[in-house]
Amino acid sequence: SEETVAALRADMEANPGGFDDGVSPAEEEAI
């Protein structure tokens, strides 16, 4: 939807690194 851009920009400003779920890329690959 049109609101996605605004919501995603707000999320990016609030948390510039993204939402980390605590799983490293190596662990995610193993999963």
PDB file of all heavy atoms in Angstrom:
ATOM      1  N   SER A   1       0.838  -1.201   0.000  1.00  0.00           N
ATOM      2  CA  SER A   1       0.000   0.000   0.000  1.00  0.00           C
ATOM      3  C   SER A   1       0.873   1.251   0.000  1.00  0.00           C
ATOM      4  O   SER A   1       2.087   1.196   0.209  1.00  0.00           O
ATOM      5  CB  SER A   1      -0.908  -0.003   1.228  1.00  0.00           C
ATOM      6  OG  SER A   1      -0.137   0.151   2.402  1.00  0.00           O
ATOM      7  N   GLU A   2       0.228   2.397  -0.206  1.00  0.00           N
ATOM      8  CA  GLU A   2       0.926   3.689  -0.227  1.00  0.00           C
ATOM      9  C   GLU A   2       1.560   3.999   1.128  1.00  0.00           C
ATOM     10  O   GLU A   2       2.574   4.685   1.201  1.00  0.00           O
ATOM     11  CB  GLU A   2      -0.055   4.802  -0.610  1.00  0.00           C
ATOM     12  CG  GLU A   2      -0.699   4.630  -1.978  1.00  0.00           C
ATOM     13  CD  GLU A   2       0.286   4.777  -3.116  1.00  0.00           C
ATOM     14  OE1 GLU A   2       1.277   5.509  -2.990  1.00  0.00           O
ATOM     15  OE2 GLU A   2       0.065   4.134  -4.160  1.00  0.00           O
ATOM     16  N   GLU A   3       0.967   3.520   2.220  1.00  0.00           N
ATOM     17  CA  GLU A   3       1.474   3.810   3.566  1.00  0.00           C
ATOM     18  C   GLU A   3       2.762   3.062   3.886  1.00  0.00           C
ATOM     19  O   GLU A   3       3.432   3.375   4.865  1.00  0.00           O
ATOM     20  CB  GLU A   3       0.418   3.447   4.626  1.00  0.00           C
ATOM     21  CG  GLU A   3      -0.852   4.268   4.562  1.00  0.00           C
ATOM     22  CD  GLU A   3      -1.838   3.713   3.536  1.00  0.00           C
ATOM     23  OE1 GLU A   3      -1.870   2.484   3.317  1.00  0.00           O
ATOM     24  OE2 GLU A   3      -2.563   4.523   2.934  1.00  0.00           O
ATOM     25  N   THR A   4       3.124   2.090   3.088  1.00  0.00           N
ATOM     26  CA  THR A   4       4.313   1.281   3.362  1.00  0.00           C
ATOM     27  C   THR A   4       5.571   2.134   3.376  1.00  0.00           C
ATOM     28  O   THR A   4       6.431   1.957   4.246  1.00  0.00           O
ATOM     29  CB  THR A   4       4.458   0.157   2.308  1.00  0.00           C
ATOM     30  OG1 THR A   4       3.236  -0.549   2.222  1.00  0.00           O
ATOM     31  CG2 THR A   4       5.579  -0.780   2.662  1.00  0.00           C
ATOM     32  N   VAL A   5       5.697   3.051   2.444  1.00  0.00           N
ATOM     33  CA  VAL A   5       6.901   3.889   2.352  1.00  0.00           C
ATOM     34  C   VAL A   5       7.082   4.687   3.633  1.00  0.00           C
ATOM     35  O   VAL A   5       8.179   4.701   4.223  1.00  0.00           O
ATOM     36  CB  VAL A   5       6.829   4.824   1.118  1.00  0.00           C
ATOM     37  CG1 VAL A   5       8.006   5.779   1.101  1.00  0.00           C
ATOM     38  CG2 VAL A   5       6.783   4.014  -0.161  1.00  0.00           C
ATOM     39  N   ALA A   6       6.014   5.337   4.112  1.00  0.00           N
ATOM     40  CA  ALA A   6       6.107   6.147   5.328  1.00  0.00           C
ATOM     41  C   ALA A   6       6.429   5.272   6.536  1.00  0.00           C
ATOM     42  O   ALA A   6       7.275   5.638   7.376  1.00  0.00           O
ATOM     43  CB  ALA A   6       4.807   6.911   5.552  1.00  0.00           C
ATOM     44  N   ALA A   7       5.780   4.120   6.639  1.00  0.00           N
ATOM     45  CA  ALA A   7       6.016   3.237   7.775  1.00  0.00           C
ATOM     46  C   ALA A   7       7.448   2.703   7.765  1.00  0.00           C
ATOM     47  O   ALA A   7       8.115   2.657   8.808  1.00  0.00           O
ATOM     48  CB  ALA A   7       5.021   2.082   7.753  1.00  0.00           C
ATOM     49  N   LEU A   8       7.941   2.322   6.597  1.00  0.00           N
ATOM     50  CA  LEU A   8       9.302   1.791   6.495  1.00  0.00           C
ATOM     51  C   LEU A   8      10.329   2.879   6.791  1.00  0.00           C
ATOM     52  O   LEU A   8      11.314   2.636   7.492  1.00  0.00           O
ATOM     53  CB  LEU A   8       9.545   1.180   5.116  1.00  0.00           C
ATOM     54  CG  LEU A   8      10.882   0.482   4.908  1.00  0.00           C
ATOM     55  CD1 LEU A   8      11.104  -0.618   5.929  1.00  0.00           C
ATOM     56  CD2 LEU A   8      10.966  -0.086   3.503  1.00  0.00           C
ATOM     57  N   ARG A   9      10.107   4.081   6.291  1.00  0.00           N
ATOM     58  CA  ARG A   9      11.026   5.190   6.600  1.00  0.00           C
ATOM     59  C   ARG A   9      11.041   5.475   8.102  1.00  0.00           C
ATOM     60  O   ARG A   9      12.105   5.719   8.676  1.00  0.00           O
ATOM     61  CB  ARG A   9      10.643   6.438   5.817  1.00  0.00           C
ATOM     62  CG  ARG A   9      10.975   6.358   4.340  1.00  0.00           C
ATOM     63  CD  ARG A   9      10.923   7.737   3.672  1.00  0.00           C
ATOM     64  NE  ARG A   9      10.892   7.630   2.231  1.00  0.00           N
ATOM     65  CZ  ARG A   9      11.974   7.458   1.468  1.00  0.00           C
ATOM     66  NH1 ARG A   9      13.155   7.361   2.014  1.00  0.00           N
ATOM     67  NH2 ARG A   9      11.854   7.380   0.153  1.00  0.00           N
ATOM     68  N   ALA A  10       9.877   5.445   8.750  1.00  0.00           N
ATOM     69  CA  ALA A  10       9.812   5.663  10.199  1.00  0.00           C
ATOM     70  C   ALA A  10      10.580   4.570  10.934  1.00  0.00           C
ATOM     71  O   ALA A  10      11.318   4.855  11.891  1.00  0.00           O
ATOM     72  CB  ALA A  10       8.358   5.700  10.657  1.00  0.00           C
ATOM     73  N   ASP A  11      10.427   3.319  10.497  1.00  0.00           N
ATOM     74  CA  ASP A  11      11.176   2.213  11.110  1.00  0.00           C
ATOM     75  C   ASP A  11      12.669   2.384  10.906  1.00  0.00           C
ATOM     76  O   ASP A  11      13.467   2.118  11.811  1.00  0.00           O
ATOM     77  CB  ASP A  11      10.734   0.873  10.516  1.00  0.00           C
ATOM     78  CG  ASP A  11       9.372   0.413  11.011  1.00  0.00           C
ATOM     79  OD1 ASP A  11       8.889   0.964  12.021  1.00  0.00           O
ATOM     80  OD2 ASP A  11       8.796  -0.503  10.379  1.00  0.00           O
ATOM     81  N   MET A  12      13.070   2.834   9.727  1.00  0.00           N
ATOM     82  CA  MET A  12      14.498   3.013   9.425  1.00  0.00           C
ATOM     83  C   MET A  12      15.091   4.138  10.274  1.00  0.00           C
ATOM     84  O   MET A  12      16.250   4.045  10.695  1.00  0.00           O
ATOM     85  CB  MET A  12      14.702   3.285   7.930  1.00  0.00           C
ATOM     86  CG  MET A  12      14.397   2.080   7.060  1.00  0.00           C
ATOM     87  SD  MET A  12      14.419   2.439   5.300  1.00  0.00           S
ATOM     88  CE  MET A  12      16.166   2.587   5.003  1.00  0.00           C
ATOM     89  N   GLU A  13      14.322   5.187  10.513  1.00  0.00           N
ATOM     90  CA  GLU A  13      14.819   6.282  11.355  1.00  0.00           C
ATOM     91  C   GLU A  13      14.896   5.853  12.813  1.00  0.00           C
ATOM     92  O   GLU A  13      15.834   6.208  13.526  1.00  0.00           O
ATOM     93  CB  GLU A  13      13.921   7.510  11.204  1.00  0.00           C
ATOM     94  CG  GLU A  13      14.071   8.198   9.872  1.00  0.00           C
ATOM     95  CD  GLU A  13      13.074   9.342   9.686  1.00  0.00           C
ATOM     96  OE1 GLU A  13      12.416   9.736  10.682  1.00  0.00           O
ATOM     97  OE2 GLU A  13      12.968   9.838   8.557  1.00  0.00           O
ATOM     98  N   ALA A  14      13.904   5.095  13.279  1.00  0.00           N
ATOM     99  CA  ALA A  14      13.875   4.656  14.670  1.00  0.00           C
ATOM    100  C   ALA A  14      14.958   3.627  14.955  1.00  0.00           C
ATOM    101  O   ALA A  14      15.529   3.609  16.053  1.00  0.00           O
ATOM    102  CB  ALA A  14      12.502   4.074  15.006  1.00  0.00           C
ATOM    103  N   ASN A  15      15.254   2.779  14.005  1.00  0.00           N
ATOM    104  CA  ASN A  15      16.248   1.721  14.206  1.00  0.00           C
ATOM    105  C   ASN A  15      17.058   1.577  12.925  1.00  0.00           C
ATOM    106  O   ASN A  15      16.732   0.753  12.080  1.00  0.00           O
ATOM    107  CB  ASN A  15      15.537   0.416  14.560  1.00  0.00           C
ATOM    108  CG  ASN A  15      16.495  -0.636  15.042  1.00  0.00           C
ATOM    109  OD1 ASN A  15      17.703  -0.436  15.059  1.00  0.00           O
ATOM    110  ND2 ASN A  15      15.953  -1.774  15.416  1.00  0.00           N
ATOM    111  N   PRO A  16      18.141   2.369  12.767  1.00  0.00           N
ATOM    112  CA  PRO A  16      18.893   2.366  11.508  1.00  0.00           C
ATOM    113  C   PRO A  16      19.505   1.016  11.132  1.00  0.00           C
ATOM    114  O   PRO A  16      19.716   0.741   9.960  1.00  0.00           O
ATOM    115  CB  PRO A  16      19.998   3.395  11.737  1.00  0.00           C
ATOM    116  CG  PRO A  16      19.550   4.197  12.903  1.00  0.00           C
ATOM    117  CD  PRO A  16      18.642   3.345  13.706  1.00  0.00           C
ATOM    118  N   GLY A  17      19.783   0.171  12.094  1.00  0.00           N
ATOM    119  CA  GLY A  17      20.420  -1.113  11.787  1.00  0.00           C
ATOM    120  C   GLY A  17      19.438  -2.207  11.478  1.00  0.00           C
ATOM    121  O   GLY A  17      19.818  -3.336  11.209  1.00  0.00           O
ATOM    122  N   GLY A  18      18.152  -1.925  11.526  1.00  0.00           N
ATOM    123  CA  GLY A  18      17.157  -2.968  11.305  1.00  0.00           C
ATOM    124  C   GLY A  18      16.823  -3.644  12.608  1.00  0.00           C
ATOM    125  O   GLY A  18      17.439  -3.387  13.651  1.00  0.00           O
ATOM    126  N   PHE A  19      15.826  -4.470  12.599  1.00  0.00           N
ATOM    127  CA  PHE A  19      15.425  -5.196  13.794  1.00  0.00           C
ATOM    128  C   PHE A  19      16.195  -6.489  13.826  1.00  0.00           C
ATOM    129  O   PHE A  19      15.953  -7.396  13.043  1.00  0.00           O
ATOM    130  CB  PHE A  19      13.916  -5.462  13.791  1.00  0.00           C
ATOM    131  CG  PHE A  19      13.113  -4.202  13.887  1.00  0.00           C
ATOM    132  CD1 PHE A  19      12.289  -3.815  12.848  1.00  0.00           C
ATOM    133  CD2 PHE A  19      13.187  -3.404  15.002  1.00  0.00           C
ATOM    134  CE1 PHE A  19      11.545  -2.663  12.929  1.00  0.00           C
ATOM    135  CE2 PHE A  19      12.445  -2.242  15.097  1.00  0.00           C
ATOM    136  CZ  PHE A  19      11.624  -1.870  14.055  1.00  0.00           C
ATOM    137  N   ASP A  20      17.140  -6.579  14.746  1.00  0.00           N
ATOM    138  CA  ASP A  20      17.963  -7.773  14.852  1.00  0.00           C
ATOM    139  C   ASP A  20      17.224  -8.770  15.719  1.00  0.00           C
ATOM    140  O   ASP A  20      16.826  -8.468  16.839  1.00  0.00           O
ATOM    141  CB  ASP A  20      19.317  -7.416  15.475  1.00  0.00           C
ATOM    142  CG  ASP A  20      20.286  -8.580  15.429  1.00  0.00           C
ATOM    143  OD1 ASP A  20      20.014  -9.555  14.720  1.00  0.00           O
ATOM    144  OD2 ASP A  20      21.311  -8.490  16.106  1.00  0.00           O
ATOM    145  N   ASP A  21      17.060  -9.979  15.210  1.00  0.00           N
ATOM    146  CA  ASP A  21      16.361 -10.995  15.987  1.00  0.00           C
ATOM    147  C   ASP A  21      17.321 -11.812  16.847  1.00  0.00           C
ATOM    148  O   ASP A  21      16.950 -12.833  17.400  1.00  0.00           O
ATOM    149  CB  ASP A  21      15.546 -11.915  15.072  1.00  0.00           C
ATOM    150  CG  ASP A  21      16.375 -12.545  13.979  1.00  0.00           C
ATOM    151  OD1 ASP A  21      17.606 -12.311  13.953  1.00  0.00           O
ATOM    152  OD2 ASP A  21      15.803 -13.269  13.146  1.00  0.00           O
ATOM    153  N   GLY A  22      18.581 -11.364  16.951  1.00  0.00           N
ATOM    154  CA  GLY A  22      19.542 -12.037  17.805  1.00  0.00           C
ATOM    155  C   GLY A  22      20.221 -13.219  17.156  1.00  0.00           C
ATOM    156  O   GLY A  22      20.975 -13.921  17.788  1.00  0.00           O
ATOM    157  N   VAL A  23      19.963 -13.469  15.893  1.00  0.00           N
ATOM    158  CA  VAL A  23      20.557 -14.595  15.195  1.00  0.00           C
ATOM    159  C   VAL A  23      21.612 -14.065  14.238  1.00  0.00           C
ATOM    160  O   VAL A  23      21.328 -13.197  13.421  1.00  0.00           O
ATOM    161  CB  VAL A  23      19.475 -15.390  14.422  1.00  0.00           C
ATOM    162  CG1 VAL A  23      20.104 -16.554  13.686  1.00  0.00           C
ATOM    163  CG2 VAL A  23      18.392 -15.872  15.365  1.00  0.00           C
ATOM    164  N   SER A  24      22.826 -14.565  14.358  1.00  0.00           N
ATOM    165  CA  SER A  24      23.895 -14.119  13.462  1.00  0.00           C
ATOM    166  C   SER A  24      23.673 -14.725  12.082  1.00  0.00           C
ATOM    167  O   SER A  24      22.992 -15.744  11.944  1.00  0.00           O
ATOM    168  CB  SER A  24      25.259 -14.555  14.008  1.00  0.00           C
ATOM    169  OG  SER A  24      25.398 -15.950  13.881  1.00  0.00           O
ATOM    170  N   PRO A  25      24.276 -14.128  11.041  1.00  0.00           N
ATOM    171  CA  PRO A  25      24.112 -14.684   9.690  1.00  0.00           C
ATOM    172  C   PRO A  25      24.583 -16.130   9.592  1.00  0.00           C
ATOM    173  O   PRO A  25      23.987 -16.931   8.881  1.00  0.00           O
ATOM    174  CB  PRO A  25      24.954 -13.759   8.811  1.00  0.00           C
ATOM    175  CG  PRO A  25      25.021 -12.473   9.562  1.00  0.00           C
ATOM    176  CD  PRO A  25      24.976 -12.850  11.009  1.00  0.00           C
ATOM    177  N   ALA A  26      25.664 -16.496  10.298  1.00  0.00           N
ATOM    178  CA  ALA A  26      26.146 -17.873  10.259  1.00  0.00           C
ATOM    179  C   ALA A  26      25.137 -18.817  10.893  1.00  0.00           C
ATOM    180  O   ALA A  26      24.879 -19.917  10.395  1.00  0.00           O
ATOM    181  CB  ALA A  26      27.495 -17.982  10.965  1.00  0.00           C
ATOM    182  N   GLU A  27      24.542 -18.378  12.030  1.00  0.00           N
ATOM    183  CA  GLU A  27      23.530 -19.203  12.675  1.00  0.00           C
ATOM    184  C   GLU A  27      22.293 -19.324  11.800  1.00  0.00           C
ATOM    185  O   GLU A  27      21.684 -20.382  11.711  1.00  0.00           O
ATOM    186  CB  GLU A  27      23.144 -18.603  14.035  1.00  0.00           C
ATOM    187  CG  GLU A  27      24.241 -18.702  15.079  1.00  0.00           C
ATOM    188  CD  GLU A  27      23.895 -17.928  16.348  1.00  0.00           C
ATOM    189  OE1 GLU A  27      23.017 -17.041  16.283  1.00  0.00           O
ATOM    190  OE2 GLU A  27      24.490 -18.211  17.379  1.00  0.00           O
ATOM    191  N   GLU A  28      21.918 -18.233  11.143  1.00  0.00           N
ATOM    192  CA  GLU A  28      20.753 -18.249  10.268  1.00  0.00           C
ATOM    193  C   GLU A  28      20.981 -19.204   9.104  1.00  0.00           C
ATOM    194  O   GLU A  28      20.100 -19.955   8.717  1.00  0.00           O
ATOM    195  CB  GLU A  28      20.468 -16.847   9.743  1.00  0.00           C
ATOM    196  CG  GLU A  28      19.198 -16.773   8.920  1.00  0.00           C
ATOM    197  CD  GLU A  28      18.860 -15.350   8.527  1.00  0.00           C
ATOM    198  OE1 GLU A  28      18.918 -14.460   9.382  1.00  0.00           O
ATOM    199  OE2 GLU A  28      18.551 -15.157   7.340  1.00  0.00           O
ATOM    200  N   GLU A  29      22.201 -19.216   8.564  1.00  0.00           N
ATOM    201  CA  GLU A  29      22.514 -20.126   7.468  1.00  0.00           C
ATOM    202  C   GLU A  29      22.441 -21.569   7.939  1.00  0.00           C
ATOM    203  O   GLU A  29      21.955 -22.438   7.230  1.00  0.00           O
ATOM    204  CB  GLU A  29      23.912 -19.815   6.929  1.00  0.00           C
ATOM    205  CG  GLU A  29      24.234 -20.556   5.657  1.00  0.00           C
ATOM    206  CD  GLU A  29      25.555 -20.101   5.079  1.00  0.00           C
ATOM    207  OE1 GLU A  29      25.745 -18.892   4.905  1.00  0.00           O
ATOM    208  OE2 GLU A  29      26.381 -20.978   4.817  1.00  0.00           O
ATOM    209  N   ALA A  30      22.907 -21.820   9.171  1.00  0.00           N
ATOM    210  CA  ALA A  30      22.852 -23.177   9.706  1.00  0.00           C
ATOM    211  C   ALA A  30      21.410 -23.611   9.937  1.00  0.00           C
ATOM    212  O   ALA A  30      21.063 -24.777   9.761  1.00  0.00           O
ATOM    213  CB  ALA A  30      23.645 -23.261  11.008  1.00  0.00           C
ATOM    214  N   ILE A  31      20.546 -22.664  10.309  1.00  0.00           N
ATOM    215  CA  ILE A  31      19.139 -22.988  10.532  1.00  0.00           C
ATOM    216  C   ILE A  31      18.495 -23.418   9.229  1.00  0.00           C
ATOM    217  O   ILE A  31      17.726 -24.373   9.195  1.00  0.00           O
ATOM    218  CB  ILE A  31      18.384 -21.766  11.124  1.00  0.00           C
ATOM    219  CG1 ILE A  31      18.858 -21.503  12.547  1.00  0.00           C
ATOM    220  CG2 ILE A  31      16.886 -22.001  11.095  1.00  0.00           C
ATOM    221  CD1 ILE A  31      18.360 -20.195  13.119  1.00  0.00           C
TER     222      ILE A  31
END
